[in-house]
Amino acid sequence: LKNTEATGFTGDVNVVLPACTSGDTGTIVCEWIKVYES
């Protein structure tokens, strides 16, 4: 999945856990392909 590079993009990736219930959990393992400046 390619970064959309929408206005303001930094190249970073964030994970957002909205306000939720105490004790909710999540584990995420990601494999990324690095894209370099030309």
PDB file of all heavy atoms in Angstrom:
ATOM      1  N   LEU A   1       0.849  -1.193   0.000  1.00  0.00           N
ATOM      2  CA  LEU A   1       0.000   0.000   0.000  1.00  0.00           C
ATOM      3  C   LEU A   1       0.882   1.240   0.000  1.00  0.00           C
ATOM      4  O   LEU A   1       1.715   1.420   0.887  1.00  0.00           O
ATOM      5  CB  LEU A   1      -0.900   0.032   1.243  1.00  0.00           C
ATOM      6  CG  LEU A   1      -1.998  -1.013   1.334  1.00  0.00           C
ATOM      7  CD1 LEU A   1      -2.781  -0.829   2.634  1.00  0.00           C
ATOM      8  CD2 LEU A   1      -2.929  -0.942   0.139  1.00  0.00           C
ATOM      9  N   LYS A   2       0.699   2.101  -0.983  1.00  0.00           N
ATOM     10  CA  LYS A   2       1.527   3.299  -1.127  1.00  0.00           C
ATOM     11  C   LYS A   2       0.959   4.451  -0.320  1.00  0.00           C
ATOM     12  O   LYS A   2      -0.258   4.623  -0.219  1.00  0.00           O
ATOM     13  CB  LYS A   2       1.587   3.720  -2.594  1.00  0.00           C
ATOM     14  CG  LYS A   2       2.264   2.717  -3.481  1.00  0.00           C
ATOM     15  CD  LYS A   2       2.268   3.200  -4.920  1.00  0.00           C
ATOM     16  CE  LYS A   2       2.921   2.176  -5.825  1.00  0.00           C
ATOM     17  NZ  LYS A   2       2.931   2.621  -7.220  1.00  0.00           N
ATOM     18  N   ASN A   3       1.865   5.252   0.218  1.00  0.00           N
ATOM     19  CA  ASN A   3       1.474   6.478   0.898  1.00  0.00           C
ATOM     20  C   ASN A   3       0.801   7.389  -0.125  1.00  0.00           C
ATOM     21  O   ASN A   3       1.303   7.571  -1.227  1.00  0.00           O
ATOM     22  CB  ASN A   3       2.714   7.162   1.489  1.00  0.00           C
ATOM     23  CG  ASN A   3       2.376   8.314   2.397  1.00  0.00           C
ATOM     24  OD1 ASN A   3       1.486   9.103   2.142  1.00  0.00           O
ATOM     25  ND2 ASN A   3       3.104   8.413   3.488  1.00  0.00           N
ATOM     26  N   THR A   4      -0.324   7.964   0.236  1.00  0.00           N
ATOM     27  CA  THR A   4      -1.061   8.844  -0.677  1.00  0.00           C
ATOM     28  C   THR A   4      -0.335  10.169  -0.915  1.00  0.00           C
ATOM     29  O   THR A   4      -0.643  10.871  -1.865  1.00  0.00           O
ATOM     30  CB  THR A   4      -2.454   9.162  -0.116  1.00  0.00           C
ATOM     31  OG1 THR A   4      -2.293   9.810   1.155  1.00  0.00           O
ATOM     32  CG2 THR A   4      -3.291   7.904   0.026  1.00  0.00           C
ATOM     33  N   GLU A   5       0.616  10.488  -0.037  1.00  0.00           N
ATOM     34  CA  GLU A   5       1.369  11.741  -0.112  1.00  0.00           C
ATOM     35  C   GLU A   5       0.433  12.945  -0.229  1.00  0.00           C
ATOM     36  O   GLU A   5       0.702  13.895  -0.958  1.00  0.00           O
ATOM     37  CB  GLU A   5       2.403  11.698  -1.235  1.00  0.00           C
ATOM     38  CG  GLU A   5       3.446  10.619  -1.004  1.00  0.00           C
ATOM     39  CD  GLU A   5       4.606  10.641  -1.983  1.00  0.00           C
ATOM     40  OE1 GLU A   5       4.816  11.662  -2.672  1.00  0.00           O
ATOM     41  OE2 GLU A   5       5.323   9.620  -2.044  1.00  0.00           O
ATOM     42  N   ALA A   6      -0.677  12.886   0.510  1.00  0.00           N
ATOM     43  CA  ALA A   6      -1.622  13.996   0.550  1.00  0.00           C
ATOM     44  C   ALA A   6      -0.958  15.212   1.196  1.00  0.00           C
ATOM     45  O   ALA A   6       0.095  15.102   1.831  1.00  0.00           O
ATOM     46  CB  ALA A   6      -2.873  13.588   1.333  1.00  0.00           C
ATOM     47  N   THR A   7      -1.566  16.353   1.053  1.00  0.00           N
ATOM     48  CA  THR A   7      -1.039  17.595   1.594  1.00  0.00           C
ATOM     49  C   THR A   7      -0.612  17.422   3.042  1.00  0.00           C
ATOM     50  O   THR A   7      -1.355  16.897   3.854  1.00  0.00           O
ATOM     51  CB  THR A   7      -2.106  18.712   1.502  1.00  0.00           C
ATOM     52  OG1 THR A   7      -2.482  18.851   0.135  1.00  0.00           O
ATOM     53  CG2 THR A   7      -1.582  20.021   2.024  1.00  0.00           C
ATOM     54  N   GLY A   8       0.626  17.845   3.338  1.00  0.00           N
ATOM     55  CA  GLY A   8       1.155  17.778   4.690  1.00  0.00           C
ATOM     56  C   GLY A   8       1.859  16.474   5.025  1.00  0.00           C
ATOM     57  O   GLY A   8       2.331  16.296   6.139  1.00  0.00           O
ATOM     58  N   PHE A   9       1.961  15.562   4.055  1.00  0.00           N
ATOM     59  CA  PHE A   9       2.531  14.251   4.375  1.00  0.00           C
ATOM     60  C   PHE A   9       3.981  14.388   4.844  1.00  0.00           C
ATOM     61  O   PHE A   9       4.720  15.254   4.408  1.00  0.00           O
ATOM     62  CB  PHE A   9       2.391  13.304   3.174  1.00  0.00           C
ATOM     63  CG  PHE A   9       3.662  13.011   2.422  1.00  0.00           C
ATOM     64  CD1 PHE A   9       4.337  11.828   2.649  1.00  0.00           C
ATOM     65  CD2 PHE A   9       4.174  13.909   1.510  1.00  0.00           C
ATOM     66  CE1 PHE A   9       5.497  11.542   1.952  1.00  0.00           C
ATOM     67  CE2 PHE A   9       5.330  13.634   0.813  1.00  0.00           C
ATOM     68  CZ  PHE A   9       5.999  12.451   1.033  1.00  0.00           C
ATOM     69  N   THR A  10       4.350  13.503   5.781  1.00  0.00           N
ATOM     70  CA  THR A  10       5.699  13.508   6.347  1.00  0.00           C
ATOM     71  C   THR A  10       6.480  12.250   5.982  1.00  0.00           C
ATOM     72  O   THR A  10       7.693  12.216   6.169  1.00  0.00           O
ATOM     73  CB  THR A  10       5.636  13.583   7.885  1.00  0.00           C
ATOM     74  OG1 THR A  10       4.950  12.412   8.361  1.00  0.00           O
ATOM     75  CG2 THR A  10       4.923  14.841   8.354  1.00  0.00           C
ATOM     76  N   GLY A  11       5.785  11.212   5.523  1.00  0.00           N
ATOM     77  CA  GLY A  11       6.414   9.926   5.274  1.00  0.00           C
ATOM     78  C   GLY A  11       6.298   8.993   6.470  1.00  0.00           C
ATOM     79  O   GLY A  11       6.526   7.798   6.354  1.00  0.00           O
ATOM     80  N   ASP A  12       5.954   9.554   7.634  1.00  0.00           N
ATOM     81  CA  ASP A  12       5.806   8.757   8.852  1.00  0.00           C
ATOM     82  C   ASP A  12       4.493   7.969   8.814  1.00  0.00           C
ATOM     83  O   ASP A  12       3.619   8.221   7.979  1.00  0.00           O
ATOM     84  CB  ASP A  12       5.806   9.648  10.086  1.00  0.00           C
ATOM     85  CG  ASP A  12       7.123  10.378  10.296  1.00  0.00           C
ATOM     86  OD1 ASP A  12       8.141   9.974   9.694  1.00  0.00           O
ATOM     87  OD2 ASP A  12       7.130  11.364  11.060  1.00  0.00           O
ATOM     88  N   VAL A  13       4.354   7.039   9.759  1.00  0.00           N
ATOM     89  CA  VAL A  13       3.114   6.283   9.919  1.00  0.00           C
ATOM     90  C   VAL A  13       2.723   6.337  11.389  1.00  0.00           C
ATOM     91  O   VAL A  13       3.550   6.101  12.270  1.00  0.00           O
ATOM     92  CB  VAL A  13       3.273   4.809   9.481  1.00  0.00           C
ATOM     93  CG1 VAL A  13       1.971   4.050   9.682  1.00  0.00           C
ATOM     94  CG2 VAL A  13       3.740   4.717   8.042  1.00  0.00           C
ATOM     95  N   ASN A  14       1.451   6.645  11.636  1.00  0.00           N
ATOM     96  CA  ASN A  14       0.924   6.711  12.998  1.00  0.00           C
ATOM     97  C   ASN A  14      -0.134   5.638  13.210  1.00  0.00           C
ATOM     98  O   ASN A  14      -0.831   5.250  12.271  1.00  0.00           O
ATOM     99  CB  ASN A  14       0.288   8.075  13.271  1.00  0.00           C
ATOM    100  CG  ASN A  14       1.287   9.200  13.175  1.00  0.00           C
ATOM    101  OD1 ASN A  14       2.442   9.043  13.542  1.00  0.00           O
ATOM    102  ND2 ASN A  14       0.853  10.331  12.669  1.00  0.00           N
ATOM    103  N   VAL A  15      -0.241   5.180  14.448  1.00  0.00           N
ATOM    104  CA  VAL A  15      -1.322   4.295  14.865  1.00  0.00           C
ATOM    105  C   VAL A  15      -2.182   5.096  15.824  1.00  0.00           C
ATOM    106  O   VAL A  15      -1.672   5.694  16.779  1.00  0.00           O
ATOM    107  CB  VAL A  15      -0.780   3.026  15.554  1.00  0.00           C
ATOM    108  CG1 VAL A  15      -1.896   2.252  16.212  1.00  0.00           C
ATOM    109  CG2 VAL A  15      -0.055   2.156  14.553  1.00  0.00           C
ATOM    110  N   VAL A  16      -3.488   5.117  15.553  1.00  0.00           N
ATOM    111  CA  VAL A  16      -4.421   5.869  16.384  1.00  0.00           C
ATOM    112  C   VAL A  16      -5.372   4.896  17.058  1.00  0.00           C
ATOM    113  O   VAL A  16      -6.041   4.100  16.388  1.00  0.00           O
ATOM    114  CB  VAL A  16      -5.228   6.890  15.549  1.00  0.00           C
ATOM    115  CG1 VAL A  16      -6.220   7.635  16.426  1.00  0.00           C
ATOM    116  CG2 VAL A  16      -4.293   7.850  14.826  1.00  0.00           C
ATOM    117  N   LEU A  17      -5.389   4.946  18.379  1.00  0.00           N
ATOM    118  CA  LEU A  17      -6.367   4.204  19.170  1.00  0.00           C
ATOM    119  C   LEU A  17      -7.317   5.251  19.727  1.00  0.00           C
ATOM    120  O   LEU A  17      -6.933   6.050  20.578  1.00  0.00           O
ATOM    121  CB  LEU A  17      -5.682   3.427  20.305  1.00  0.00           C
ATOM    122  CG  LEU A  17      -6.599   2.604  21.199  1.00  0.00           C
ATOM    123  CD1 LEU A  17      -7.312   1.518  20.401  1.00  0.00           C
ATOM    124  CD2 LEU A  17      -5.813   1.979  22.333  1.00  0.00           C
ATOM    125  N   PRO A  18      -8.545   5.311  19.191  1.00  0.00           N
ATOM    126  CA  PRO A  18      -9.472   6.347  19.656  1.00  0.00           C
ATOM    127  C   PRO A  18      -9.824   6.141  21.122  1.00  0.00           C
ATOM    128  O   PRO A  18      -9.503   5.109  21.701  1.00  0.00           O
ATOM    129  CB  PRO A  18     -10.693   6.162  18.758  1.00  0.00           C
ATOM    130  CG  PRO A  18     -10.575   4.804  18.188  1.00  0.00           C
ATOM    131  CD  PRO A  18      -9.140   4.405  18.244  1.00  0.00           C
ATOM    132  N   ALA A  19     -10.465   7.141  21.694  1.00  0.00           N
ATOM    133  CA  ALA A  19     -10.937   6.979  23.072  1.00  0.00           C
ATOM    134  C   ALA A  19     -11.724   5.681  23.125  1.00  0.00           C
ATOM    135  O   ALA A  19     -12.601   5.447  22.301  1.00  0.00           O
ATOM    136  CB  ALA A  19     -11.804   8.159  23.478  1.00  0.00           C
ATOM    137  N   CYS A  20     -11.367   4.805  24.028  1.00  0.00           N
ATOM    138  CA  CYS A  20     -11.939   3.472  24.040  1.00  0.00           C
ATOM    139  C   CYS A  20     -12.139   3.014  25.478  1.00  0.00           C
ATOM    140  O   CYS A  20     -12.078   3.819  26.391  1.00  0.00           O
ATOM    141  CB  CYS A  20     -11.035   2.525  23.269  1.00  0.00           C
ATOM    142  SG  CYS A  20      -9.328   2.630  23.809  1.00  0.00           S
ATOM    143  N   THR A  21     -12.328   1.737  25.658  1.00  0.00           N
ATOM    144  CA  THR A  21     -12.570   1.174  26.978  1.00  0.00           C
ATOM    145  C   THR A  21     -11.256   0.735  27.613  1.00  0.00           C
ATOM    146  O   THR A  21     -10.398   0.161  26.946  1.00  0.00           O
ATOM    147  CB  THR A  21     -13.522  -0.037  26.854  1.00  0.00           C
ATOM    148  OG1 THR A  21     -14.716   0.401  26.204  1.00  0.00           O
ATOM    149  CG2 THR A  21     -13.857  -0.603  28.214  1.00  0.00           C
ATOM    150  N   SER A  22     -11.110   1.002  28.889  1.00  0.00           N
ATOM    151  CA  SER A  22      -9.920   0.567  29.615  1.00  0.00           C
ATOM    152  C   SER A  22      -9.774  -0.943  29.477  1.00  0.00           C
ATOM    153  O   SER A  22     -10.737  -1.690  29.631  1.00  0.00           O
ATOM    154  CB  SER A  22     -10.038   0.956  31.088  1.00  0.00           C
ATOM    155  OG  SER A  22      -8.888   0.559  31.789  1.00  0.00           O
ATOM    156  N   GLY A  23      -8.574  -1.383  29.129  1.00  0.00           N
ATOM    157  CA  GLY A  23      -8.299  -2.806  28.957  1.00  0.00           C
ATOM    158  C   GLY A  23      -8.340  -3.267  27.514  1.00  0.00           C
ATOM    159  O   GLY A  23      -7.939  -4.388  27.217  1.00  0.00           O
ATOM    160  N   ASP A  24      -8.827  -2.420  26.596  1.00  0.00           N
ATOM    161  CA  ASP A  24      -8.758  -2.776  25.176  1.00  0.00           C
ATOM    162  C   ASP A  24      -7.293  -2.946  24.803  1.00  0.00           C
ATOM    163  O   ASP A  24      -6.419  -2.236  25.311  1.00  0.00           O
ATOM    164  CB  ASP A  24      -9.401  -1.691  24.306  1.00  0.00           C
ATOM    165  CG  ASP A  24     -10.926  -1.711  24.346  1.00  0.00           C
ATOM    166  OD1 ASP A  24     -11.502  -2.604  24.991  1.00  0.00           O
ATOM    167  OD2 ASP A  24     -11.533  -0.819  23.721  1.00  0.00           O
ATOM    168  N   THR A  25      -7.002  -3.899  23.907  1.00  0.00           N
ATOM    169  CA  THR A  25      -5.612  -4.209  23.565  1.00  0.00           C
ATOM    170  C   THR A  25      -5.423  -4.318  22.060  1.00  0.00           C
ATOM    171  O   THR A  25      -6.376  -4.555  21.318  1.00  0.00           O
ATOM    172  CB  THR A  25      -5.162  -5.535  24.193  1.00  0.00           C
ATOM    173  OG1 THR A  25      -5.966  -6.591  23.662  1.00  0.00           O
ATOM    174  CG2 THR A  25      -5.262  -5.508  25.709  1.00  0.00           C
ATOM    175  N   GLY A  26      -4.183  -4.178  21.653  1.00  0.00           N
ATOM    176  CA  GLY A  26      -3.850  -4.373  20.252  1.00  0.00           C
ATOM    177  C   GLY A  26      -2.385  -4.710  20.078  1.00  0.00           C
ATOM    178  O   GLY A  26      -1.530  -4.159  20.768  1.00  0.00           O
ATOM    179  N   THR A  27      -2.112  -5.628  19.167  1.00  0.00           N
ATOM    180  CA  THR A  27      -0.749  -5.963  18.769  1.00  0.00           C
ATOM    181  C   THR A  27      -0.716  -5.926  17.250  1.00  0.00           C
ATOM    182  O   THR A  27      -1.575  -6.529  16.593  1.00  0.00           O
ATOM    183  CB  THR A  27      -0.336  -7.355  19.262  1.00  0.00           C
ATOM    184  OG1 THR A  27      -0.376  -7.371  20.694  1.00  0.00           O
ATOM    185  CG2 THR A  27       1.065  -7.711  18.790  1.00  0.00           C
ATOM    186  N   ILE A  28       0.271  -5.212  16.692  1.00  0.00           N
ATOM    187  CA  ILE A  28       0.393  -5.070  15.248  1.00  0.00           C
ATOM    188  C   ILE A  28       1.850  -5.311  14.859  1.00  0.00           C
ATOM    189  O   ILE A  28       2.750  -4.664  15.387  1.00  0.00           O
ATOM    190  CB  ILE A  28      -0.010  -3.655  14.786  1.00  0.00           C
ATOM    191  CG1 ILE A  28      -1.384  -3.268  15.317  1.00  0.00           C
ATOM    192  CG2 ILE A  28       0.041  -3.561  13.266  1.00  0.00           C
ATOM    193  CD1 ILE A  28      -1.717  -1.796  15.129  1.00  0.00           C
ATOM    194  N   VAL A  29       2.064  -6.237  13.925  1.00  0.00           N
ATOM    195  CA  VAL A  29       3.393  -6.477  13.368  1.00  0.00           C
ATOM    196  C   VAL A  29       3.308  -6.156  11.877  1.00  0.00           C
ATOM    197  O   VAL A  29       2.452  -6.710  11.169  1.00  0.00           O
ATOM    198  CB  VAL A  29       3.851  -7.928  13.595  1.00  0.00           C
ATOM    199  CG1 VAL A  29       5.218  -8.154  12.950  1.00  0.00           C
ATOM    200  CG2 VAL A  29       3.887  -8.255  15.086  1.00  0.00           C
ATOM    201  N   CYS A  30       4.175  -5.245  11.418  1.00  0.00           N
ATOM    202  CA  CYS A  30       4.140  -4.794  10.031  1.00  0.00           C
ATOM    203  C   CYS A  30       5.464  -5.037   9.333  1.00  0.00           C
ATOM    204  O   CYS A  30       6.525  -4.864   9.931  1.00  0.00           O
ATOM    205  CB  CYS A  30       3.861  -3.292   9.955  1.00  0.00           C
ATOM    206  SG  CYS A  30       2.279  -2.788  10.627  1.00  0.00           S
ATOM    207  N   GLU A  31       5.362  -5.399   8.064  1.00  0.00           N
ATOM    208  CA  GLU A  31       6.519  -5.437   7.179  1.00  0.00           C
ATOM    209  C   GLU A  31       6.330  -4.298   6.181  1.00  0.00           C
ATOM    210  O   GLU A  31       5.283  -4.203   5.530  1.00  0.00           O
ATOM    211  CB  GLU A  31       6.595  -6.770   6.446  1.00  0.00           C
ATOM    212  CG  GLU A  31       7.733  -6.842   5.453  1.00  0.00           C
ATOM    213  CD  GLU A  31       7.752  -8.143   4.685  1.00  0.00           C
ATOM    214  OE1 GLU A  31       7.968  -9.198   5.323  1.00  0.00           O
ATOM    215  OE2 GLU A  31       7.541  -8.107   3.457  1.00  0.00           O
ATOM    216  N   TRP A  32       7.327  -3.447   6.097  1.00  0.00           N
ATOM    217  CA  TRP A  32       7.278  -2.265   5.237  1.00  0.00           C
ATOM    218  C   TRP A  32       8.347  -2.355   4.156  1.00  0.00           C
ATOM    219  O   TRP A  32       9.409  -2.922   4.387  1.00  0.00           O
ATOM    220  CB  TRP A  32       7.544  -0.998   6.052  1.00  0.00           C
ATOM    221  CG  TRP A  32       6.666  -0.830   7.241  1.00  0.00           C
ATOM    222  CD1 TRP A  32       6.928  -1.242   8.520  1.00  0.00           C
ATOM    223  CD2 TRP A  32       5.393  -0.196   7.291  1.00  0.00           C
ATOM    224  NE1 TRP A  32       5.895  -0.901   9.350  1.00  0.00           N
ATOM    225  CE2 TRP A  32       4.928  -0.253   8.620  1.00  0.00           C
ATOM    226  CE3 TRP A  32       4.592   0.421   6.328  1.00  0.00           C
ATOM    227  CZ2 TRP A  32       3.715   0.281   9.010  1.00  0.00           C
ATOM    228  CZ3 TRP A  32       3.372   0.956   6.714  1.00  0.00           C
ATOM    229  CH2 TRP A  32       2.948   0.879   8.048  1.00  0.00           C
ATOM    230  N   ILE A  33       8.078  -1.740   3.012  1.00  0.00           N
ATOM    231  CA  ILE A  33       9.082  -1.560   1.970  1.00  0.00           C
ATOM    232  C   ILE A  33       9.526  -0.097   2.054  1.00  0.00           C
ATOM    233  O   ILE A  33       8.688   0.819   2.040  1.00  0.00           O
ATOM    234  CB  ILE A  33       8.506  -1.840   0.579  1.00  0.00           C
ATOM    235  CG1 ILE A  33       8.031  -3.290   0.489  1.00  0.00           C
ATOM    236  CG2 ILE A  33       9.544  -1.535  -0.509  1.00  0.00           C
ATOM    237  CD1 ILE A  33       7.222  -3.598  -0.748  1.00  0.00           C
ATOM    238  N   LYS A  34      10.813   0.119   2.153  1.00  0.00           N
ATOM    239  CA  LYS A  34      11.347   1.478   2.260  1.00  0.00           C
ATOM    240  C   LYS A  34      11.450   2.121   0.873  1.00  0.00           C
ATOM    241  O   LYS A  34      11.884   1.477  -0.074  1.00  0.00           O
ATOM    242  CB  LYS A  34      12.700   1.460   2.961  1.00  0.00           C
ATOM    243  CG  LYS A  34      12.590   0.997   4.414  1.00  0.00           C
ATOM    244  CD  LYS A  34      13.905   0.665   5.053  1.00  0.00           C
ATOM    245  CE  LYS A  34      14.738   1.874   5.331  1.00  0.00           C
ATOM    246  NZ  LYS A  34      15.980   1.532   6.070  1.00  0.00           N
ATOM    247  N   VAL A  35      11.017   3.375   0.772  1.00  0.00           N
ATOM    248  CA  VAL A  35      11.074   4.141  -0.470  1.00  0.00           C
ATOM    249  C   VAL A  35      12.005   5.313  -0.240  1.00  0.00           C
ATOM    250  O   VAL A  35      11.821   6.085   0.709  1.00  0.00           O
ATOM    251  CB  VAL A  35       9.674   4.639  -0.890  1.00  0.00           C
ATOM    252  CG1 VAL A  35       9.749   5.451  -2.173  1.00  0.00           C
ATOM    253  CG2 VAL A  35       8.707   3.468  -1.019  1.00  0.00           C
ATOM    254  N   TYR A  36      12.993   5.477  -1.125  1.00  0.00           N
ATOM    255  CA  TYR A  36      14.045   6.480  -0.934  1.00  0.00           C
ATOM    256  C   TYR A  36      13.875   7.688  -1.837  1.00  0.00           C
ATOM    257  O   TYR A  36      13.218   7.608  -2.890  1.00  0.00           O
ATOM    258  CB  TYR A  36      15.426   5.848  -1.178  1.00  0.00           C
ATOM    259  CG  TYR A  36      15.781   4.820  -0.140  1.00  0.00           C
ATOM    260  CD1 TYR A  36      15.458   3.487  -0.312  1.00  0.00           C
ATOM    261  CD2 TYR A  36      16.392   5.196   1.048  1.00  0.00           C
ATOM    262  CE1 TYR A  36      15.760   2.552   0.652  1.00  0.00           C
ATOM    263  CE2 TYR A  36      16.699   4.268   2.021  1.00  0.00           C
ATOM    264  CZ  TYR A  36      16.378   2.944   1.814  1.00  0.00           C
ATOM    265  OH  TYR A  36      16.678   2.016   2.781  1.00  0.00           O
ATOM    266  N   GLU A  37      14.475   8.806  -1.396  1.00  0.00           N
ATOM    267  CA  GLU A  37      14.533  10.016  -2.229  1.00  0.00           C
ATOM    268  C   GLU A  37      15.227   9.661  -3.531  1.00  0.00           C
ATOM    269  O   GLU A  37      16.143   8.859  -3.546  1.00  0.00           O
ATOM    270  CB  GLU A  37      15.326  11.118  -1.506  1.00  0.00           C
ATOM    271  CG  GLU A  37      14.746  11.557  -0.188  1.00  0.00           C
ATOM    272  CD  GLU A  37      13.561  12.496  -0.328  1.00  0.00           C
ATOM    273  OE1 GLU A  37      13.348  13.039  -1.421  1.00  0.00           O
ATOM    274  OE2 GLU A  37      12.842  12.669   0.669  1.00  0.00           O
ATOM    275  N   SER A  38      14.833  10.299  -4.603  1.00  0.00           N
ATOM    276  CA  SER A  38      15.471  10.042  -5.919  1.00  0.00           C
ATOM    277  C   SER A  38      16.846  10.638  -5.998  1.00  0.00           C
ATOM    278  O   SER A  38      17.171  11.609  -5.472  1.00  0.00           O
ATOM    279  CB  SER A  38      14.609  10.641  -7.024  1.00  0.00           C
ATOM    280  OG  SER A  38      13.329  10.072  -6.984  1.00  0.00           O
TER     281      SER A  38
END
